[in-house]
Amino acid sequence: MVSSKDVKELRDRTGAGMMDCKKALEECGGNIDKAVEHLRKTGAAKAEKRAGRTASEGVIGHYLHHNGKIAVLVELNCETDFVARNEEFVQVARYLAEHIAAAAPIAVDKDSIPAEKVEQERRIFVEQVKQSGKPANMIEKIVDGKIEAFYKDVALLHQAWVREPKKTVGDLVKELSAKTGENIQVRRFVRYQLGEA
């Protein structure tokens, strides 16, 4: 039997609905940590289903560094004005702007990185691997791994979140989508740094 205290604790930790929390606890034998993991997995699956829905509401998150030399604007979209006004939604937009200021991504996700930039990096990695003396049959596999690491460095949704490096920025957005029940998307951002071209 699952206690209402455990259901409340799980709800406080995840933001999921009461019935979802109760069901998760029942399926996980009352283990709260396992139930959190279960809800994250099912929430992510539900978020994937919502991805096709139109997200035309939202907010512009912003950040201005204390010295006035870095500024960021980021557009975070959702489906309804109700969610756009939600304090947690607005807070995530602020977190995104802060992260972009610190991590300096060049694109929202790996698919929006210009192809010529990826090819340029690939050529550099091929030369580096050749010069390191690795066998020719291993070069392509090593370069593919370096390209994946490159995406994690420069694509916003693939970067480790600066506030909680064990999760990616994409995980942060998926968790918000799971909590709100809406399709949440980072549409675009701009990062200004004094003196940069």
N, C-alpha and C. Protein backbone atom coordinates (compact mmCIF):
# COMPACT_ATOMS: atom_id res chain seq x y z
N MET A 1 0.85 -1.20 0.00
CA MET A 1 0.00 0.00 0.00
C MET A 1 0.88 1.24 0.00
N VAL A 2 0.59 2.18 -0.89
CA VAL A 2 1.36 3.41 -1.02
C VAL A 2 0.75 4.49 -0.13
N SER A 3 1.60 5.14 0.68
CA SER A 3 1.08 6.17 1.59
C SER A 3 0.93 7.51 0.87
N SER A 4 -0.01 8.31 1.36
CA SER A 4 -0.24 9.63 0.74
C SER A 4 0.98 10.54 0.97
N LYS A 5 1.72 10.29 2.07
CA LYS A 5 2.95 11.05 2.34
C LYS A 5 3.98 10.80 1.24
N ASP A 6 4.14 9.54 0.84
CA ASP A 6 5.08 9.20 -0.23
C ASP A 6 4.64 9.80 -1.56
N VAL A 7 3.34 9.76 -1.83
CA VAL A 7 2.82 10.34 -3.07
C VAL A 7 3.12 11.84 -3.10
N LYS A 8 2.89 12.51 -1.95
CA LYS A 8 3.16 13.95 -1.88
C LYS A 8 4.65 14.24 -2.08
N GLU A 9 5.51 13.44 -1.44
CA GLU A 9 6.96 13.65 -1.59
C GLU A 9 7.39 13.47 -3.05
N LEU A 10 6.84 12.44 -3.71
CA LEU A 10 7.18 12.20 -5.11
C LEU A 10 6.68 13.34 -5.99
N ARG A 11 5.47 13.81 -5.70
CA ARG A 11 4.92 14.94 -6.46
C ARG A 11 5.78 16.18 -6.28
N ASP A 12 6.23 16.45 -5.04
CA ASP A 12 7.08 17.61 -4.77
C ASP A 12 8.41 17.51 -5.51
N ARG A 13 8.93 16.30 -5.62
CA ARG A 13 10.23 16.11 -6.27
C ARG A 13 10.14 16.17 -7.79
N THR A 14 8.99 15.76 -8.36
CA THR A 14 8.90 15.65 -9.82
C THR A 14 7.95 16.63 -10.48
N GLY A 15 6.95 17.11 -9.74
CA GLY A 15 5.95 17.98 -10.34
C GLY A 15 4.91 17.21 -11.14
N ALA A 16 4.97 15.88 -11.11
CA ALA A 16 4.01 15.05 -11.84
C ALA A 16 2.66 15.04 -11.11
N GLY A 17 1.61 14.63 -11.82
CA GLY A 17 0.28 14.57 -11.24
C GLY A 17 0.17 13.53 -10.14
N MET A 18 -0.81 13.72 -9.24
CA MET A 18 -0.99 12.81 -8.09
C MET A 18 -1.20 11.36 -8.53
N MET A 19 -2.05 11.16 -9.53
CA MET A 19 -2.34 9.79 -9.97
C MET A 19 -1.11 9.16 -10.61
N ASP A 20 -0.36 9.95 -11.37
CA ASP A 20 0.88 9.44 -11.98
C ASP A 20 1.88 9.04 -10.90
N CYS A 21 1.96 9.85 -9.84
CA CYS A 21 2.87 9.55 -8.73
C CYS A 21 2.46 8.27 -8.02
N LYS A 22 1.16 8.15 -7.76
CA LYS A 22 0.66 6.95 -7.07
C LYS A 22 0.95 5.70 -7.91
N LYS A 23 0.65 5.78 -9.20
CA LYS A 23 0.87 4.65 -10.10
C LYS A 23 2.36 4.28 -10.17
N ALA A 24 3.23 5.30 -10.25
CA ALA A 24 4.67 5.06 -10.32
C ALA A 24 5.17 4.38 -9.05
N LEU A 25 4.67 4.83 -7.89
CA LEU A 25 5.08 4.22 -6.62
C LEU A 25 4.60 2.77 -6.53
N GLU A 26 3.38 2.51 -7.00
CA GLU A 26 2.87 1.13 -6.99
C GLU A 26 3.71 0.23 -7.88
N GLU A 27 4.08 0.74 -9.07
CA GLU A 27 4.88 -0.05 -10.01
C GLU A 27 6.32 -0.27 -9.53
N CYS A 28 6.79 0.64 -8.65
CA CYS A 28 8.18 0.56 -8.17
C CYS A 28 8.25 0.06 -6.73
N GLY A 29 7.18 -0.57 -6.27
CA GLY A 29 7.18 -1.17 -4.93
C GLY A 29 7.38 -0.17 -3.80
N GLY A 30 6.95 1.07 -4.00
CA GLY A 30 7.05 2.09 -2.96
C GLY A 30 8.40 2.78 -2.88
N ASN A 31 9.35 2.40 -3.73
CA ASN A 31 10.68 3.01 -3.72
C ASN A 31 10.62 4.37 -4.43
N ILE A 32 10.82 5.43 -3.68
CA ILE A 32 10.66 6.78 -4.23
C ILE A 32 11.70 7.09 -5.30
N ASP A 33 12.96 6.71 -5.06
CA ASP A 33 14.01 7.00 -6.06
C ASP A 33 13.72 6.30 -7.39
N LYS A 34 13.29 5.04 -7.32
CA LYS A 34 12.94 4.31 -8.55
C LYS A 34 11.73 4.94 -9.22
N ALA A 35 10.77 5.42 -8.41
CA ALA A 35 9.57 6.06 -8.95
C ALA A 35 9.94 7.37 -9.66
N VAL A 36 10.91 8.12 -9.11
CA VAL A 36 11.38 9.36 -9.77
C VAL A 36 11.94 9.01 -11.14
N GLU A 37 12.79 7.99 -11.19
CA GLU A 37 13.38 7.57 -12.46
C GLU A 37 12.29 7.12 -13.45
N HIS A 38 11.32 6.35 -12.94
CA HIS A 38 10.22 5.87 -13.78
C HIS A 38 9.44 7.05 -14.37
N LEU A 39 9.14 8.04 -13.54
CA LEU A 39 8.38 9.21 -14.01
C LEU A 39 9.19 10.02 -15.02
N ARG A 40 10.50 10.12 -14.81
CA ARG A 40 11.34 10.84 -15.77
C ARG A 40 11.31 10.15 -17.12
N LYS A 41 11.39 8.80 -17.11
CA LYS A 41 11.36 8.05 -18.37
C LYS A 41 10.01 8.19 -19.07
N THR A 42 8.92 8.03 -18.33
CA THR A 42 7.60 8.13 -18.96
C THR A 42 7.31 9.57 -19.37
N GLY A 43 7.78 10.53 -18.57
CA GLY A 43 7.60 11.94 -18.92
C GLY A 43 8.33 12.28 -20.20
N ALA A 44 9.53 11.74 -20.36
CA ALA A 44 10.30 11.99 -21.58
C ALA A 44 9.59 11.36 -22.78
N ALA A 45 9.02 10.18 -22.58
CA ALA A 45 8.31 9.51 -23.68
C ALA A 45 7.08 10.34 -24.08
N LYS A 46 6.36 10.85 -23.08
CA LYS A 46 5.20 11.69 -23.39
C LYS A 46 5.62 12.98 -24.08
N ALA A 47 6.77 13.52 -23.66
CA ALA A 47 7.29 14.76 -24.27
C ALA A 47 7.58 14.53 -25.74
N GLU A 48 8.11 13.34 -26.08
CA GLU A 48 8.40 13.04 -27.49
C GLU A 48 7.11 13.04 -28.31
N LYS A 49 6.00 12.52 -27.74
CA LYS A 49 4.72 12.50 -28.45
C LYS A 49 4.20 13.91 -28.69
N ARG A 50 4.49 14.82 -27.73
CA ARG A 50 4.00 16.20 -27.85
C ARG A 50 4.80 17.02 -28.85
N ALA A 51 5.95 16.54 -29.25
CA ALA A 51 6.88 17.33 -30.06
C ALA A 51 6.25 17.84 -31.36
N GLY A 52 5.25 17.16 -31.89
CA GLY A 52 4.63 17.58 -33.14
C GLY A 52 3.61 18.70 -32.98
N ARG A 53 3.20 18.99 -31.75
CA ARG A 53 2.19 20.02 -31.52
C ARG A 53 2.81 21.41 -31.63
N THR A 54 2.01 22.39 -32.05
CA THR A 54 2.49 23.75 -32.28
C THR A 54 2.77 24.47 -30.97
N ALA A 55 3.95 25.04 -30.88
CA ALA A 55 4.35 25.82 -29.71
C ALA A 55 4.54 27.27 -30.16
N SER A 56 3.46 28.07 -30.05
CA SER A 56 3.53 29.44 -30.56
C SER A 56 3.43 30.49 -29.45
N GLU A 57 3.29 30.06 -28.21
CA GLU A 57 3.30 30.99 -27.07
C GLU A 57 4.68 30.90 -26.42
N GLY A 58 4.92 31.68 -25.40
CA GLY A 58 6.18 31.56 -24.70
C GLY A 58 6.68 32.87 -24.15
N VAL A 59 8.00 32.89 -23.85
CA VAL A 59 8.63 34.08 -23.30
C VAL A 59 10.02 34.25 -23.90
N ILE A 60 10.54 35.46 -23.76
CA ILE A 60 11.93 35.74 -24.11
C ILE A 60 12.69 35.81 -22.79
N GLY A 61 13.57 34.84 -22.56
CA GLY A 61 14.42 34.88 -21.38
C GLY A 61 15.60 35.78 -21.68
N HIS A 62 16.13 36.45 -20.65
CA HIS A 62 17.25 37.35 -20.88
C HIS A 62 18.25 37.28 -19.74
N TYR A 63 19.47 37.65 -20.07
CA TYR A 63 20.54 37.68 -19.08
C TYR A 63 21.51 38.79 -19.48
N LEU A 64 21.92 39.58 -18.50
CA LEU A 64 22.95 40.60 -18.70
C LEU A 64 24.00 40.39 -17.63
N HIS A 65 25.23 40.10 -18.05
CA HIS A 65 26.30 39.84 -17.09
C HIS A 65 26.56 41.09 -16.26
N HIS A 66 26.98 40.90 -15.00
CA HIS A 66 27.16 42.02 -14.07
C HIS A 66 28.11 43.09 -14.58
N ASN A 67 29.08 42.71 -15.43
CA ASN A 67 30.02 43.71 -15.95
C ASN A 67 29.53 44.37 -17.24
N GLY A 68 28.34 43.96 -17.71
CA GLY A 68 27.76 44.56 -18.90
C GLY A 68 28.43 44.15 -20.21
N LYS A 69 29.24 43.10 -20.19
CA LYS A 69 29.99 42.72 -21.40
C LYS A 69 29.41 41.50 -22.12
N ILE A 70 28.43 40.81 -21.50
CA ILE A 70 27.76 39.67 -22.15
C ILE A 70 26.26 39.83 -21.93
N ALA A 71 25.49 39.67 -23.01
CA ALA A 71 24.03 39.72 -22.92
C ALA A 71 23.45 38.60 -23.78
N VAL A 72 22.33 38.05 -23.32
CA VAL A 72 21.68 36.94 -24.03
C VAL A 72 20.17 37.17 -24.06
N LEU A 73 19.57 36.84 -25.21
CA LEU A 73 18.12 36.74 -25.35
C LEU A 73 17.83 35.33 -25.88
N VAL A 74 16.84 34.65 -25.31
CA VAL A 74 16.48 33.31 -25.77
C VAL A 74 14.96 33.19 -25.82
N GLU A 75 14.45 32.64 -26.90
CA GLU A 75 13.00 32.44 -27.06
C GLU A 75 12.65 31.01 -26.68
N LEU A 76 11.84 30.87 -25.63
CA LEU A 76 11.37 29.57 -25.17
C LEU A 76 9.87 29.50 -25.45
N ASN A 77 9.46 28.53 -26.26
CA ASN A 77 8.07 28.43 -26.68
C ASN A 77 7.33 27.29 -26.00
N CYS A 78 6.01 27.49 -25.85
CA CYS A 78 5.09 26.48 -25.32
C CYS A 78 3.79 26.60 -26.11
N GLU A 79 2.79 25.80 -25.75
CA GLU A 79 1.54 25.78 -26.52
C GLU A 79 0.51 26.80 -26.06
N THR A 80 0.51 27.13 -24.76
CA THR A 80 -0.55 28.00 -24.24
C THR A 80 0.02 29.17 -23.44
N ASP A 81 -0.75 30.25 -23.41
CA ASP A 81 -0.40 31.43 -22.63
C ASP A 81 -0.38 31.10 -21.14
N PHE A 82 -1.21 30.16 -20.72
CA PHE A 82 -1.27 29.74 -19.32
C PHE A 82 0.10 29.23 -18.86
N VAL A 83 0.71 28.36 -19.64
CA VAL A 83 2.04 27.83 -19.29
C VAL A 83 3.10 28.91 -19.42
N ALA A 84 2.98 29.78 -20.43
CA ALA A 84 3.96 30.85 -20.63
C ALA A 84 4.05 31.78 -19.42
N ARG A 85 2.96 31.91 -18.68
CA ARG A 85 2.95 32.77 -17.49
C ARG A 85 3.37 32.03 -16.23
N ASN A 86 3.53 30.70 -16.31
CA ASN A 86 3.91 29.87 -15.17
C ASN A 86 5.31 30.27 -14.70
N GLU A 87 5.48 30.45 -13.38
CA GLU A 87 6.76 30.90 -12.83
C GLU A 87 7.91 29.95 -13.16
N GLU A 88 7.64 28.64 -13.13
CA GLU A 88 8.71 27.68 -13.43
C GLU A 88 9.14 27.79 -14.90
N PHE A 89 8.18 28.00 -15.80
CA PHE A 89 8.49 28.16 -17.22
C PHE A 89 9.39 29.39 -17.42
N VAL A 90 9.01 30.49 -16.78
CA VAL A 90 9.78 31.74 -16.89
C VAL A 90 11.18 31.54 -16.30
N GLN A 91 11.26 30.79 -15.18
CA GLN A 91 12.55 30.52 -14.54
C GLN A 91 13.45 29.70 -15.45
N VAL A 92 12.89 28.71 -16.16
CA VAL A 92 13.70 27.91 -17.08
C VAL A 92 14.23 28.79 -18.21
N ALA A 93 13.42 29.73 -18.69
CA ALA A 93 13.89 30.66 -19.73
C ALA A 93 15.08 31.47 -19.21
N ARG A 94 15.01 31.88 -17.94
CA ARG A 94 16.14 32.61 -17.33
C ARG A 94 17.37 31.72 -17.24
N TYR A 95 17.15 30.47 -16.79
CA TYR A 95 18.27 29.52 -16.69
C TYR A 95 18.94 29.31 -18.05
N LEU A 96 18.11 29.22 -19.09
CA LEU A 96 18.66 29.02 -20.44
C LEU A 96 19.53 30.21 -20.85
N ALA A 97 19.05 31.42 -20.58
CA ALA A 97 19.81 32.61 -20.94
C ALA A 97 21.14 32.65 -20.17
N GLU A 98 21.08 32.31 -18.89
CA GLU A 98 22.29 32.26 -18.06
C GLU A 98 23.26 31.21 -18.61
N HIS A 99 22.74 30.04 -18.97
CA HIS A 99 23.58 28.96 -19.50
C HIS A 99 24.25 29.40 -20.82
N ILE A 100 23.48 30.02 -21.69
CA ILE A 100 24.01 30.46 -22.99
C ILE A 100 25.14 31.48 -22.77
N ALA A 101 24.97 32.38 -21.80
CA ALA A 101 26.02 33.36 -21.49
C ALA A 101 27.30 32.64 -21.07
N ALA A 102 27.16 31.61 -20.25
CA ALA A 102 28.34 30.90 -19.72
C ALA A 102 28.96 29.95 -20.73
N ALA A 103 28.14 29.19 -21.46
CA ALA A 103 28.64 28.09 -22.31
C ALA A 103 28.84 28.47 -23.78
N ALA A 104 28.31 29.59 -24.20
CA ALA A 104 28.49 30.11 -25.56
C ALA A 104 28.23 29.09 -26.68
N PRO A 105 27.04 28.47 -26.70
CA PRO A 105 26.73 27.56 -27.81
C PRO A 105 26.62 28.34 -29.12
N ILE A 106 26.73 27.62 -30.25
CA ILE A 106 26.61 28.32 -31.54
C ILE A 106 25.29 28.00 -32.24
N ALA A 107 24.55 27.00 -31.73
CA ALA A 107 23.28 26.61 -32.34
C ALA A 107 22.38 25.98 -31.28
N VAL A 108 21.07 25.91 -31.58
CA VAL A 108 20.12 25.31 -30.64
C VAL A 108 20.38 23.81 -30.50
N ASP A 109 20.51 23.11 -31.63
CA ASP A 109 20.79 21.67 -31.58
C ASP A 109 21.77 21.31 -32.69
N LYS A 110 22.19 20.04 -32.73
CA LYS A 110 23.22 19.66 -33.70
C LYS A 110 22.74 19.79 -35.14
N ASP A 111 21.43 19.66 -35.36
CA ASP A 111 20.90 19.77 -36.72
C ASP A 111 20.95 21.21 -37.24
N SER A 112 21.05 22.19 -36.35
CA SER A 112 21.08 23.58 -36.80
C SER A 112 22.50 24.17 -36.86
N ILE A 113 23.51 23.33 -36.64
CA ILE A 113 24.89 23.78 -36.84
C ILE A 113 25.14 23.79 -38.35
N PRO A 114 25.67 24.87 -38.89
CA PRO A 114 25.92 24.91 -40.33
C PRO A 114 26.79 23.73 -40.80
N ALA A 115 26.38 23.10 -41.90
CA ALA A 115 27.08 21.92 -42.42
C ALA A 115 28.55 22.22 -42.70
N GLU A 116 28.84 23.42 -43.20
CA GLU A 116 30.24 23.76 -43.50
C GLU A 116 31.10 23.80 -42.24
N LYS A 117 30.49 24.20 -41.09
CA LYS A 117 31.21 24.22 -39.82
C LYS A 117 31.52 22.78 -39.38
N VAL A 118 30.56 21.88 -39.53
CA VAL A 118 30.77 20.47 -39.16
C VAL A 118 31.85 19.86 -40.05
N GLU A 119 31.78 20.15 -41.35
CA GLU A 119 32.79 19.61 -42.27
C GLU A 119 34.19 20.15 -41.97
N GLN A 120 34.26 21.42 -41.61
CA GLN A 120 35.55 22.02 -41.24
C GLN A 120 36.12 21.30 -40.01
N GLU A 121 35.29 21.07 -39.01
CA GLU A 121 35.75 20.36 -37.81
C GLU A 121 36.16 18.93 -38.15
N ARG A 122 35.38 18.28 -39.01
CA ARG A 122 35.69 16.90 -39.42
C ARG A 122 37.09 16.84 -40.07
N ARG A 123 37.37 17.80 -40.97
CA ARG A 123 38.69 17.83 -41.63
C ARG A 123 39.82 18.00 -40.60
N ILE A 124 39.61 18.88 -39.64
CA ILE A 124 40.61 19.11 -38.60
C ILE A 124 40.82 17.83 -37.79
N PHE A 125 39.73 17.18 -37.40
CA PHE A 125 39.83 15.96 -36.60
C PHE A 125 40.53 14.85 -37.37
N VAL A 126 40.25 14.71 -38.66
CA VAL A 126 40.90 13.69 -39.49
C VAL A 126 42.41 13.91 -39.48
N GLU A 127 42.83 15.16 -39.65
CA GLU A 127 44.27 15.47 -39.64
C GLU A 127 44.89 15.16 -38.28
N GLN A 128 44.19 15.54 -37.22
CA GLN A 128 44.71 15.29 -35.87
C GLN A 128 44.89 13.79 -35.63
N VAL A 129 43.90 12.99 -36.03
CA VAL A 129 43.95 11.55 -35.80
C VAL A 129 45.05 10.91 -36.65
N LYS A 130 45.18 11.36 -37.91
CA LYS A 130 46.24 10.83 -38.79
C LYS A 130 47.61 11.11 -38.17
N GLN A 131 47.80 12.33 -37.67
CA GLN A 131 49.09 12.72 -37.10
C GLN A 131 49.40 11.99 -35.79
N SER A 132 48.34 11.51 -35.11
CA SER A 132 48.57 10.79 -33.85
C SER A 132 49.05 9.36 -34.09
N GLY A 133 49.03 8.92 -35.38
CA GLY A 133 49.55 7.60 -35.71
C GLY A 133 48.56 6.46 -35.53
N LYS A 134 47.30 6.77 -35.42
CA LYS A 134 46.28 5.71 -35.29
C LYS A 134 46.16 4.95 -36.60
N PRO A 135 45.77 3.66 -36.54
CA PRO A 135 45.61 2.87 -37.76
C PRO A 135 44.53 3.47 -38.68
N ALA A 136 44.75 3.38 -39.99
CA ALA A 136 43.84 3.97 -40.98
C ALA A 136 42.41 3.45 -40.83
N ASN A 137 42.25 2.18 -40.48
CA ASN A 137 40.89 1.62 -40.37
C ASN A 137 40.14 2.16 -39.13
N MET A 138 40.83 2.83 -38.21
CA MET A 138 40.19 3.36 -36.99
C MET A 138 39.85 4.85 -37.12
N ILE A 139 40.42 5.52 -38.13
CA ILE A 139 40.30 6.98 -38.23
C ILE A 139 38.84 7.44 -38.26
N GLU A 140 38.03 6.84 -39.12
CA GLU A 140 36.64 7.29 -39.27
C GLU A 140 35.85 7.16 -37.96
N LYS A 141 36.03 6.05 -37.27
CA LYS A 141 35.31 5.82 -36.01
C LYS A 141 35.74 6.84 -34.94
N ILE A 142 37.03 7.10 -34.87
CA ILE A 142 37.55 8.08 -33.90
C ILE A 142 37.02 9.48 -34.24
N VAL A 143 37.03 9.82 -35.51
CA VAL A 143 36.54 11.14 -35.94
C VAL A 143 35.05 11.28 -35.63
N ASP A 144 34.27 10.23 -35.86
CA ASP A 144 32.83 10.27 -35.53
C ASP A 144 32.63 10.56 -34.04
N GLY A 145 33.44 9.94 -33.20
CA GLY A 145 33.37 10.19 -31.76
C GLY A 145 33.71 11.63 -31.42
N LYS A 146 34.71 12.19 -32.12
CA LYS A 146 35.10 13.58 -31.88
C LYS A 146 34.01 14.55 -32.35
N ILE A 147 33.31 14.19 -33.43
CA ILE A 147 32.20 15.03 -33.91
C ILE A 147 31.07 15.04 -32.88
N GLU A 148 30.76 13.88 -32.30
CA GLU A 148 29.72 13.82 -31.25
C GLU A 148 30.12 14.69 -30.07
N ALA A 149 31.40 14.64 -29.68
CA ALA A 149 31.88 15.48 -28.58
C ALA A 149 31.79 16.97 -28.95
N PHE A 150 32.06 17.28 -30.22
CA PHE A 150 31.93 18.65 -30.72
C PHE A 150 30.49 19.15 -30.55
N TYR A 151 29.51 18.29 -30.90
CA TYR A 151 28.10 18.67 -30.73
C TYR A 151 27.80 19.01 -29.28
N LYS A 152 28.34 18.21 -28.36
CA LYS A 152 28.09 18.44 -26.93
C LYS A 152 28.73 19.75 -26.45
N ASP A 153 29.74 20.19 -27.17
CA ASP A 153 30.40 21.46 -26.82
C ASP A 153 29.64 22.67 -27.34
N VAL A 154 29.06 22.57 -28.54
CA VAL A 154 28.55 23.79 -29.20
C VAL A 154 27.04 23.82 -29.46
N ALA A 155 26.33 22.72 -29.29
CA ALA A 155 24.88 22.70 -29.53
C ALA A 155 24.15 22.79 -28.19
N LEU A 156 23.39 23.83 -27.99
CA LEU A 156 22.75 24.14 -26.72
C LEU A 156 22.08 22.93 -26.07
N LEU A 157 21.17 22.26 -26.78
CA LEU A 157 20.40 21.17 -26.18
C LEU A 157 21.24 19.95 -25.82
N HIS A 158 22.44 19.87 -26.38
CA HIS A 158 23.33 18.72 -26.12
C HIS A 158 24.37 19.04 -25.04
N GLN A 159 24.46 20.30 -24.63
CA GLN A 159 25.45 20.70 -23.63
C GLN A 159 25.03 20.27 -22.23
N ALA A 160 26.02 20.00 -21.39
CA ALA A 160 25.75 19.75 -19.97
C ALA A 160 25.30 21.08 -19.36
N TRP A 161 24.20 21.05 -18.61
CA TRP A 161 23.64 22.26 -18.02
C TRP A 161 24.61 22.80 -16.96
N VAL A 162 24.94 24.08 -17.00
CA VAL A 162 25.94 24.65 -16.10
C VAL A 162 25.53 24.55 -14.63
N ARG A 163 24.25 24.58 -14.33
CA ARG A 163 23.81 24.49 -12.93
C ARG A 163 23.80 23.05 -12.40
N GLU A 164 23.64 22.09 -13.29
CA GLU A 164 23.55 20.68 -12.89
C GLU A 164 24.15 19.83 -14.01
N PRO A 165 25.49 19.72 -14.06
CA PRO A 165 26.18 19.10 -15.19
C PRO A 165 25.83 17.64 -15.49
N LYS A 166 25.15 16.95 -14.56
CA LYS A 166 24.77 15.56 -14.84
C LYS A 166 23.61 15.49 -15.83
N LYS A 167 22.94 16.62 -16.05
CA LYS A 167 21.84 16.63 -17.03
C LYS A 167 22.17 17.61 -18.14
N THR A 168 21.63 17.33 -19.32
CA THR A 168 21.84 18.23 -20.44
C THR A 168 20.76 19.32 -20.44
N VAL A 169 20.99 20.36 -21.22
CA VAL A 169 19.98 21.41 -21.37
C VAL A 169 18.72 20.79 -21.99
N GLY A 170 18.91 19.83 -22.92
CA GLY A 170 17.77 19.12 -23.52
C GLY A 170 16.96 18.39 -22.47
N ASP A 171 17.62 17.78 -21.47
CA ASP A 171 16.92 17.11 -20.38
C ASP A 171 16.09 18.11 -19.58
N LEU A 172 16.65 19.29 -19.33
CA LEU A 172 15.95 20.34 -18.60
C LEU A 172 14.65 20.71 -19.32
N VAL A 173 14.74 20.87 -20.65
CA VAL A 173 13.57 21.24 -21.44
C VAL A 173 12.54 20.10 -21.45
N LYS A 174 13.01 18.84 -21.58
CA LYS A 174 12.09 17.69 -21.56
C LYS A 174 11.39 17.56 -20.22
N GLU A 175 12.10 17.82 -19.13
CA GLU A 175 11.48 17.75 -17.80
C GLU A 175 10.38 18.81 -17.67
N LEU A 176 10.65 20.00 -18.19
CA LEU A 176 9.64 21.06 -18.15
C LEU A 176 8.42 20.65 -18.99
N SER A 177 8.67 20.03 -20.13
CA SER A 177 7.59 19.55 -20.99
C SER A 177 6.76 18.49 -20.27
N ALA A 178 7.44 17.59 -19.54
CA ALA A 178 6.74 16.54 -18.80
C ALA A 178 5.88 17.15 -17.69
N LYS A 179 6.40 18.17 -17.01
CA LYS A 179 5.65 18.80 -15.91
C LYS A 179 4.45 19.58 -16.42
N THR A 180 4.62 20.28 -17.55
CA THR A 180 3.54 21.15 -18.04
C THR A 180 2.55 20.41 -18.93
N GLY A 181 2.99 19.28 -19.49
CA GLY A 181 2.12 18.54 -20.42
C GLY A 181 2.05 19.20 -21.79
N GLU A 182 3.01 20.09 -22.08
CA GLU A 182 2.99 20.78 -23.36
C GLU A 182 4.29 20.56 -24.13
N ASN A 183 4.23 20.83 -25.42
CA ASN A 183 5.42 20.83 -26.26
C ASN A 183 6.20 22.09 -25.93
N ILE A 184 7.42 21.93 -25.42
CA ILE A 184 8.28 23.06 -25.06
C ILE A 184 9.48 23.03 -26.00
N GLN A 185 9.80 24.17 -26.59
CA GLN A 185 10.91 24.24 -27.54
C GLN A 185 11.73 25.50 -27.34
N VAL A 186 13.06 25.34 -27.47
CA VAL A 186 13.93 26.51 -27.55
C VAL A 186 13.95 26.86 -29.03
N ARG A 187 13.39 28.00 -29.38
CA ARG A 187 13.28 28.35 -30.79
C ARG A 187 14.56 28.96 -31.35
N ARG A 188 15.11 29.93 -30.60
CA ARG A 188 16.31 30.62 -31.08
C ARG A 188 16.92 31.39 -29.92
N PHE A 189 18.15 31.81 -30.11
CA PHE A 189 18.81 32.65 -29.12
C PHE A 189 19.83 33.53 -29.81
N VAL A 190 20.22 34.60 -29.10
CA VAL A 190 21.32 35.44 -29.57
C VAL A 190 22.18 35.77 -28.35
N ARG A 191 23.48 35.70 -28.54
CA ARG A 191 24.44 35.98 -27.46
C ARG A 191 25.37 37.07 -27.95
N TYR A 192 25.41 38.16 -27.20
CA TYR A 192 26.31 39.27 -27.53
C TYR A 192 27.45 39.29 -26.51
N GLN A 193 28.66 39.44 -27.04
CA GLN A 193 29.81 39.62 -26.16
C GLN A 193 30.59 40.82 -26.66
N LEU A 194 30.85 41.76 -25.77
CA LEU A 194 31.54 42.98 -26.16
C LEU A 194 32.86 42.66 -26.86
N GLY A 195 33.05 43.28 -28.03
CA GLY A 195 34.29 43.09 -28.77
C GLY A 195 34.28 41.94 -29.76
N GLU A 196 33.24 41.06 -29.73
CA GLU A 196 33.15 39.96 -30.70
C GLU A 196 32.54 40.45 -31.99
N ALA A 197 33.03 39.90 -33.10
CA ALA A 197 32.50 40.28 -34.42
C ALA A 197 31.17 39.59 -34.65
